[in-house]
Full PDB file with SEQRES, HELIX, SHEET, SSBOND, CRYST1, ORIGX, SCALE, CONECT and MASTER records, all heavy atoms in Angstrom:
SEQRES   1 A   31  SER ASN GLY ARG VAL MET LEU SER GLY PRO ALA GLY ALA          
SEQRES   2 A   31  GLY LYS GLU ILE ALA ALA ARG TYR ILE HIS ALA HIS SER          
SEQRES   3 A   31  PRO ARG ALA ASP GLY                                          
HELIX    1 AA1 LYS A   15  ALA A   24  1                                  10    
CRYST1    1.000    1.000    1.000  90.00  90.00  90.00 P 1           1          
ORIGX1      1.000000  0.000000  0.000000        0.00000                         
ORIGX2      0.000000  1.000000  0.000000        0.00000                         
ORIGX3      0.000000  0.000000  1.000000        0.00000                         
SCALE1      1.000000  0.000000  0.000000        0.00000                         
SCALE2      0.000000  1.000000  0.000000        0.00000                         
SCALE3      0.000000  0.000000  1.000000        0.00000                         
ATOM      1  N   SER A   1       0.848  -1.193  -0.018  1.00  0.00           N  
ATOM      2  CA  SER A   1       0.000   0.004   0.015  1.00  0.00           C  
ATOM      3  C   SER A   1       0.885   1.251  -0.003  1.00  0.00           C  
ATOM      4  O   SER A   1       2.097   1.168   0.010  1.00  0.00           O  
ATOM      5  CB  SER A   1      -0.914   0.016   1.240  1.00  0.00           C  
ATOM      6  OG  SER A   1      -0.166   0.363   2.376  1.00  0.00           O  
ATOM      7  N   ASN A   2       0.235   2.398   0.044  1.00  0.00           N  
ATOM      8  CA  ASN A   2       0.952   3.672   0.098  1.00  0.00           C  
ATOM      9  C   ASN A   2       0.626   4.378   1.424  1.00  0.00           C  
ATOM     10  O   ASN A   2       0.936   5.564   1.571  1.00  0.00           O  
ATOM     11  CB  ASN A   2       0.596   4.557  -1.086  1.00  0.00           C  
ATOM     12  CG  ASN A   2       1.647   5.584  -1.385  1.00  0.00           C  
ATOM     13  OD1 ASN A   2       2.843   5.300  -1.268  1.00  0.00           O  
ATOM     14  ND2 ASN A   2       1.253   6.798  -1.761  1.00  0.00           N  
ATOM     15  N   GLY A   3      -0.014   3.628   2.337  1.00  0.00           N  
ATOM     16  CA  GLY A   3      -0.440   4.221   3.601  1.00  0.00           C  
ATOM     17  C   GLY A   3       0.703   4.634   4.492  1.00  0.00           C  
ATOM     18  O   GLY A   3       1.769   4.025   4.472  1.00  0.00           O  
ATOM     19  N   ARG A   4       0.494   5.660   5.275  1.00  0.00           N  
ATOM     20  CA  ARG A   4       1.527   6.123   6.228  1.00  0.00           C  
ATOM     21  C   ARG A   4       1.537   5.214   7.440  1.00  0.00           C  
ATOM     22  O   ARG A   4       0.493   4.856   7.998  1.00  0.00           O  
ATOM     23  CB  ARG A   4       1.247   7.568   6.632  1.00  0.00           C  
ATOM     24  CG  ARG A   4       1.194   8.522   5.419  1.00  0.00           C  
ATOM     25  CD  ARG A   4       1.034   9.988   5.840  1.00  0.00           C  
ATOM     26  NE  ARG A   4       0.653  10.758   4.670  1.00  0.00           N  
ATOM     27  CZ  ARG A   4      -0.565  11.221   4.436  1.00  0.00           C  
ATOM     28  NH1 ARG A   4      -1.522  10.975   5.287  1.00  0.00           N  
ATOM     29  NH2 ARG A   4      -0.814  11.896   3.322  1.00  0.00           N  
ATOM     30  N   VAL A   5       2.744   4.884   7.884  1.00  0.00           N  
ATOM     31  CA  VAL A   5       2.923   3.917   8.967  1.00  0.00           C  
ATOM     32  C   VAL A   5       3.641   4.632  10.122  1.00  0.00           C  
ATOM     33  O   VAL A   5       4.601   5.360   9.898  1.00  0.00           O  
ATOM     34  CB  VAL A   5       3.760   2.717   8.500  1.00  0.00           C  
ATOM     35  CG1 VAL A   5       3.993   1.732   9.658  1.00  0.00           C  
ATOM     36  CG2 VAL A   5       3.061   2.020   7.329  1.00  0.00           C  
ATOM     37  N   MET A   6       3.163   4.382  11.344  1.00  0.00           N  
ATOM     38  CA  MET A   6       3.821   4.880  12.536  1.00  0.00           C  
ATOM     39  C   MET A   6       4.367   3.683  13.337  1.00  0.00           C  
ATOM     40  O   MET A   6       3.607   2.825  13.808  1.00  0.00           O  
ATOM     41  CB  MET A   6       2.845   5.674  13.413  1.00  0.00           C  
ATOM     42  CG  MET A   6       3.433   6.126  14.751  1.00  0.00           C  
ATOM     43  SD  MET A   6       4.721   7.362  14.570  1.00  0.00           S  
ATOM     44  CE  MET A   6       3.743   8.798  14.096  1.00  0.00           C  
ATOM     45  N   LEU A   7       5.686   3.588  13.427  1.00  0.00           N  
ATOM     46  CA  LEU A   7       6.334   2.518  14.148  1.00  0.00           C  
ATOM     47  C   LEU A   7       6.676   2.997  15.544  1.00  0.00           C  
ATOM     48  O   LEU A   7       7.373   4.006  15.708  1.00  0.00           O  
ATOM     49  CB  LEU A   7       7.632   2.088  13.438  1.00  0.00           C  
ATOM     50  CG  LEU A   7       7.429   1.571  11.985  1.00  0.00           C  
ATOM     51  CD1 LEU A   7       8.789   1.537  11.270  1.00  0.00           C  
ATOM     52  CD2 LEU A   7       6.788   0.209  11.974  1.00  0.00           C  
ATOM     53  N   SER A   8       6.224   2.300  16.559  1.00  0.00           N  
ATOM     54  CA  SER A   8       6.509   2.655  17.938  1.00  0.00           C  
ATOM     55  C   SER A   8       7.233   1.519  18.625  1.00  0.00           C  
ATOM     56  O   SER A   8       7.079   0.345  18.270  1.00  0.00           O  
ATOM     57  CB  SER A   8       5.205   2.982  18.706  1.00  0.00           C  
ATOM     58  OG  SER A   8       4.366   1.842  18.709  1.00  0.00           O  
ATOM     59  N   GLY A   9       8.038   1.858  19.628  1.00  0.00           N  
ATOM     60  CA  GLY A   9       8.793   0.853  20.320  1.00  0.00           C  
ATOM     61  C   GLY A   9      10.017   1.446  20.985  1.00  0.00           C  
ATOM     62  O   GLY A   9      10.383   2.608  20.698  1.00  0.00           O  
ATOM     63  N   PRO A  10      10.664   0.757  21.881  1.00  0.00           N  
ATOM     64  CA  PRO A  10      11.798   1.286  22.598  1.00  0.00           C  
ATOM     65  C   PRO A  10      13.013   1.523  21.694  1.00  0.00           C  
ATOM     66  O   PRO A  10      13.097   0.935  20.596  1.00  0.00           O  
ATOM     67  CB  PRO A  10      12.109   0.209  23.654  1.00  0.00           C  
ATOM     68  CG  PRO A  10      11.571  -1.058  23.079  1.00  0.00           C  
ATOM     69  CD  PRO A  10      10.362  -0.639  22.297  1.00  0.00           C  
ATOM     70  N   ALA A  11      13.931   2.341  22.135  1.00  0.00           N  
ATOM     71  CA  ALA A  11      15.143   2.632  21.366  1.00  0.00           C  
ATOM     72  C   ALA A  11      15.936   1.355  21.124  1.00  0.00           C  
ATOM     73  O   ALA A  11      16.124   0.551  22.047  1.00  0.00           O  
ATOM     74  CB  ALA A  11      16.005   3.660  22.103  1.00  0.00           C  
ATOM     75  N   GLY A  12      16.427   1.193  19.901  1.00  0.00           N  
ATOM     76  CA  GLY A  12      17.254   0.029  19.579  1.00  0.00           C  
ATOM     77  C   GLY A  12      16.501  -1.226  19.224  1.00  0.00           C  
ATOM     78  O   GLY A  12      17.081  -2.293  19.007  1.00  0.00           O  
ATOM     79  N   ALA A  13      15.150  -1.142  19.197  1.00  0.00           N  
ATOM     80  CA  ALA A  13      14.340  -2.354  18.930  1.00  0.00           C  
ATOM     81  C   ALA A  13      14.327  -2.739  17.440  1.00  0.00           C  
ATOM     82  O   ALA A  13      13.969  -3.859  17.096  1.00  0.00           O  
ATOM     83  CB  ALA A  13      12.910  -2.139  19.424  1.00  0.00           C  
ATOM     84  N   GLY A  14      14.708  -1.809  16.535  1.00  0.00           N  
ATOM     85  CA  GLY A  14      14.750  -2.132  15.128  1.00  0.00           C  
ATOM     86  C   GLY A  14      13.680  -1.421  14.317  1.00  0.00           C  
ATOM     87  O   GLY A  14      13.257  -1.945  13.274  1.00  0.00           O  
ATOM     88  N   LYS A  15      13.273  -0.243  14.732  1.00  0.00           N  
ATOM     89  CA  LYS A  15      12.210   0.483  14.023  1.00  0.00           C  
ATOM     90  C   LYS A  15      12.667   0.912  12.618  1.00  0.00           C  
ATOM     91  O   LYS A  15      11.922   0.835  11.654  1.00  0.00           O  
ATOM     92  CB  LYS A  15      11.728   1.686  14.826  1.00  0.00           C  
ATOM     93  CG  LYS A  15      11.096   1.300  16.172  1.00  0.00           C  
ATOM     94  CD  LYS A  15      10.537   2.493  16.886  1.00  0.00           C  
ATOM     95  CE  LYS A  15      11.602   3.469  17.369  1.00  0.00           C  
ATOM     96  NZ  LYS A  15      12.502   2.832  18.369  1.00  0.00           N  
ATOM     97  N   GLU A  16      13.931   1.371  12.511  1.00  0.00           N  
ATOM     98  CA  GLU A  16      14.387   1.786  11.192  1.00  0.00           C  
ATOM     99  C   GLU A  16      14.545   0.603  10.236  1.00  0.00           C  
ATOM    100  O   GLU A  16      14.245   0.708   9.053  1.00  0.00           O  
ATOM    101  CB  GLU A  16      15.751   2.522  11.305  1.00  0.00           C  
ATOM    102  CG  GLU A  16      16.233   3.041   9.927  1.00  0.00           C  
ATOM    103  CD  GLU A  16      17.502   3.889  10.019  1.00  0.00           C  
ATOM    104  OE1 GLU A  16      17.804   4.410  11.090  1.00  0.00           O  
ATOM    105  OE2 GLU A  16      18.184   4.002   8.965  1.00  0.00           O  
ATOM    106  N   ILE A  17      14.974  -0.538  10.761  1.00  0.00           N  
ATOM    107  CA  ILE A  17      15.077  -1.725   9.916  1.00  0.00           C  
ATOM    108  C   ILE A  17      13.688  -2.126   9.427  1.00  0.00           C  
ATOM    109  O   ILE A  17      13.496  -2.528   8.276  1.00  0.00           O  
ATOM    110  CB  ILE A  17      15.719  -2.896  10.701  1.00  0.00           C  
ATOM    111  CG1 ILE A  17      17.204  -2.579  10.934  1.00  0.00           C  
ATOM    112  CG2 ILE A  17      15.592  -4.207   9.939  1.00  0.00           C  
ATOM    113  CD1 ILE A  17      17.909  -3.631  11.743  1.00  0.00           C  
ATOM    114  N   ALA A  18      12.685  -1.990  10.299  1.00  0.00           N  
ATOM    115  CA  ALA A  18      11.297  -2.291   9.906  1.00  0.00           C  
ATOM    116  C   ALA A  18      10.847  -1.339   8.796  1.00  0.00           C  
ATOM    117  O   ALA A  18      10.196  -1.757   7.815  1.00  0.00           O  
ATOM    118  CB  ALA A  18      10.371  -2.193  11.103  1.00  0.00           C  
ATOM    119  N   ALA A  19      11.217  -0.057   8.909  1.00  0.00           N  
ATOM    120  CA  ALA A  19      10.849   0.928   7.882  1.00  0.00           C  
ATOM    121  C   ALA A  19      11.565   0.594   6.568  1.00  0.00           C  
ATOM    122  O   ALA A  19      10.941   0.670   5.480  1.00  0.00           O  
ATOM    123  CB  ALA A  19      11.247   2.339   8.349  1.00  0.00           C  
ATOM    124  N   ARG A  20      12.823   0.207   6.629  1.00  0.00           N  
ATOM    125  CA  ARG A  20      13.546  -0.164   5.402  1.00  0.00           C  
ATOM    126  C   ARG A  20      12.969  -1.438   4.794  1.00  0.00           C  
ATOM    127  O   ARG A  20      12.984  -1.615   3.567  1.00  0.00           O  
ATOM    128  CB  ARG A  20      15.025  -0.332   5.696  1.00  0.00           C  
ATOM    129  CG  ARG A  20      15.732   0.991   6.086  1.00  0.00           C  
ATOM    130  CD  ARG A  20      17.223   0.791   6.265  1.00  0.00           C  
ATOM    131  NE  ARG A  20      17.904   1.987   6.698  1.00  0.00           N  
ATOM    132  CZ  ARG A  20      18.293   2.957   5.876  1.00  0.00           C  
ATOM    133  NH1 ARG A  20      18.086   2.832   4.581  1.00  0.00           N  
ATOM    134  NH2 ARG A  20      18.902   4.044   6.331  1.00  0.00           N  
ATOM    135  N   TYR A  21      12.500  -2.331   5.627  1.00  0.00           N  
ATOM    136  CA  TYR A  21      11.863  -3.552   5.109  1.00  0.00           C  
ATOM    137  C   TYR A  21      10.597  -3.228   4.330  1.00  0.00           C  
ATOM    138  O   TYR A  21      10.372  -3.756   3.218  1.00  0.00           O  
ATOM    139  CB  TYR A  21      11.523  -4.489   6.287  1.00  0.00           C  
ATOM    140  CG  TYR A  21      10.801  -5.758   5.875  1.00  0.00           C  
ATOM    141  CD1 TYR A  21      11.547  -6.881   5.492  1.00  0.00           C  
ATOM    142  CD2 TYR A  21       9.418  -5.841   5.863  1.00  0.00           C  
ATOM    143  CE1 TYR A  21      10.880  -8.061   5.094  1.00  0.00           C  
ATOM    144  CE2 TYR A  21       8.762  -7.003   5.469  1.00  0.00           C  
ATOM    145  CZ  TYR A  21       9.506  -8.104   5.072  1.00  0.00           C  
ATOM    146  OH  TYR A  21       8.877  -9.261   4.696  1.00  0.00           O  
ATOM    147  N   ILE A  22       9.780  -2.289   4.849  1.00  0.00           N  
ATOM    148  CA  ILE A  22       8.597  -1.858   4.147  1.00  0.00           C  
ATOM    149  C   ILE A  22       8.982  -1.287   2.756  1.00  0.00           C  
ATOM    150  O   ILE A  22       8.380  -1.623   1.726  1.00  0.00           O  
ATOM    151  CB  ILE A  22       7.813  -0.820   4.951  1.00  0.00           C  
ATOM    152  CG1 ILE A  22       7.250  -1.457   6.228  1.00  0.00           C  
ATOM    153  CG2 ILE A  22       6.664  -0.222   4.138  1.00  0.00           C  
ATOM    154  CD1 ILE A  22       6.642  -0.440   7.201  1.00  0.00           C  
ATOM    155  N   HIS A  23      10.000  -0.393   2.768  1.00  0.00           N  
ATOM    156  CA  HIS A  23      10.446   0.226   1.537  1.00  0.00           C  
ATOM    157  C   HIS A  23      10.974  -0.789   0.537  1.00  0.00           C  
ATOM    158  O   HIS A  23      10.620  -0.763  -0.650  1.00  0.00           O  
ATOM    159  CB  HIS A  23      11.522   1.275   1.868  1.00  0.00           C  
ATOM    160  CG  HIS A  23      12.250   1.797   0.671  1.00  0.00           C  
ATOM    161  ND1 HIS A  23      13.547   1.476   0.351  1.00  0.00           N  
ATOM    162  CD2 HIS A  23      11.824   2.632  -0.349  1.00  0.00           C  
ATOM    163  CE1 HIS A  23      13.896   2.086  -0.760  1.00  0.00           C  
ATOM    164  NE2 HIS A  23      12.885   2.775  -1.203  1.00  0.00           N  
ATOM    165  N   ALA A  24      11.813  -1.723   1.010  1.00  0.00           N  
ATOM    166  CA  ALA A  24      12.456  -2.690   0.129  1.00  0.00           C  
ATOM    167  C   ALA A  24      11.500  -3.638  -0.516  1.00  0.00           C  
ATOM    168  O   ALA A  24      11.751  -4.217  -1.574  1.00  0.00           O  
ATOM    169  CB  ALA A  24      13.537  -3.492   0.900  1.00  0.00           C  
ATOM    170  N   HIS A  25      10.290  -3.851   0.102  1.00  0.00           N  
ATOM    171  CA  HIS A  25       9.329  -4.800  -0.437  1.00  0.00           C  
ATOM    172  C   HIS A  25       8.094  -4.085  -1.000  1.00  0.00           C  
ATOM    173  O   HIS A  25       7.054  -4.688  -1.213  1.00  0.00           O  
ATOM    174  CB  HIS A  25       8.909  -5.783   0.648  1.00  0.00           C  
ATOM    175  CG  HIS A  25      10.015  -6.699   1.068  1.00  0.00           C  
ATOM    176  ND1 HIS A  25      11.017  -6.320   1.961  1.00  0.00           N  
ATOM    177  CD2 HIS A  25      10.317  -7.983   0.704  1.00  0.00           C  
ATOM    178  CE1 HIS A  25      11.857  -7.312   2.131  1.00  0.00           C  
ATOM    179  NE2 HIS A  25      11.467  -8.315   1.383  1.00  0.00           N  
ATOM    180  N   SER A  26       8.222  -2.782  -1.268  1.00  0.00           N  
ATOM    181  CA  SER A  26       7.105  -2.000  -1.773  1.00  0.00           C  
ATOM    182  C   SER A  26       7.359  -1.643  -3.244  1.00  0.00           C  
ATOM    183  O   SER A  26       8.447  -1.827  -3.751  1.00  0.00           O  
ATOM    184  CB  SER A  26       6.954  -0.700  -0.973  1.00  0.00           C  
ATOM    185  OG  SER A  26       8.014   0.209  -1.315  1.00  0.00           O  
ATOM    186  N   PRO A  27       6.324  -1.133  -3.944  1.00  0.00           N  
ATOM    187  CA  PRO A  27       6.519  -0.700  -5.319  1.00  0.00           C  
ATOM    188  C   PRO A  27       7.529   0.447  -5.447  1.00  0.00           C  
ATOM    189  O   PRO A  27       7.952   0.777  -6.559  1.00  0.00           O  
ATOM    190  CB  PRO A  27       5.110  -0.236  -5.732  1.00  0.00           C  
ATOM    191  CG  PRO A  27       4.183  -0.964  -4.815  1.00  0.00           C  
ATOM    192  CD  PRO A  27       4.917  -1.071  -3.522  1.00  0.00           C  
ATOM    193  N   ARG A  28       7.887   1.080  -4.328  1.00  0.00           N  
ATOM    194  CA  ARG A  28       8.845   2.177  -4.335  1.00  0.00           C  
ATOM    195  C   ARG A  28      10.274   1.711  -4.073  1.00  0.00           C  
ATOM    196  O   ARG A  28      11.141   2.536  -3.796  1.00  0.00           O  
ATOM    197  CB  ARG A  28       8.453   3.213  -3.267  1.00  0.00           C  
ATOM    198  CG  ARG A  28       7.117   3.904  -3.553  1.00  0.00           C  
ATOM    199  CD  ARG A  28       6.736   4.821  -2.405  1.00  0.00           C  
ATOM    200  NE  ARG A  28       5.458   5.499  -2.677  1.00  0.00           N  
ATOM    201  CZ  ARG A  28       5.376   6.696  -3.201  1.00  0.00           C  
ATOM    202  NH1 ARG A  28       6.462   7.390  -3.461  1.00  0.00           N  
ATOM    203  NH2 ARG A  28       4.186   7.264  -3.452  1.00  0.00           N  
ATOM    204  N   ALA A  29      10.520   0.414  -4.132  1.00  0.00           N  
ATOM    205  CA  ALA A  29      11.830  -0.111  -3.759  1.00  0.00           C  
ATOM    206  C   ALA A  29      12.972   0.474  -4.593  1.00  0.00           C  
ATOM    207  O   ALA A  29      14.091   0.615  -4.096  1.00  0.00           O  
ATOM    208  CB  ALA A  29      11.814  -1.628  -3.904  1.00  0.00           C  
ATOM    209  N   ASP A  30      12.690   0.858  -5.837  1.00  0.00           N  
ATOM    210  CA  ASP A  30      13.728   1.447  -6.689  1.00  0.00           C  
ATOM    211  C   ASP A  30      13.919   2.931  -6.420  1.00  0.00           C  
ATOM    212  O   ASP A  30      14.854   3.549  -6.927  1.00  0.00           O  
ATOM    213  CB  ASP A  30      13.402   1.242  -8.162  1.00  0.00           C  
ATOM    214  CG  ASP A  30      13.480  -0.221  -8.583  1.00  0.00           C  
ATOM    215  OD1 ASP A  30      14.248  -0.969  -7.932  1.00  0.00           O  
ATOM    216  OD2 ASP A  30      12.781  -0.619  -9.519  1.00  0.00           O  
ATOM    217  N   GLY A  31      13.039   3.522  -5.630  1.00  0.00           N  
ATOM    218  CA  GLY A  31      13.148   4.939  -5.285  1.00  0.00           C  
ATOM    219  C   GLY A  31      13.998   5.127  -4.044  1.00  0.00           C  
ATOM    220  O   GLY A  31      14.432   4.158  -3.401  1.00  0.00           O  
TER     221      GLY A  31                                                      
MASTER        0    0    0    1    0    0    0    6  220    1    0    3          
END                                                                             
């Protein structure tokens, strides 16, 4: 989807990796 996502959780839990996972598996992966 193209929906906005809010990732919550403690510091160091892997929120940025989760965001990059969404990007890498989305239609915007080449962007």
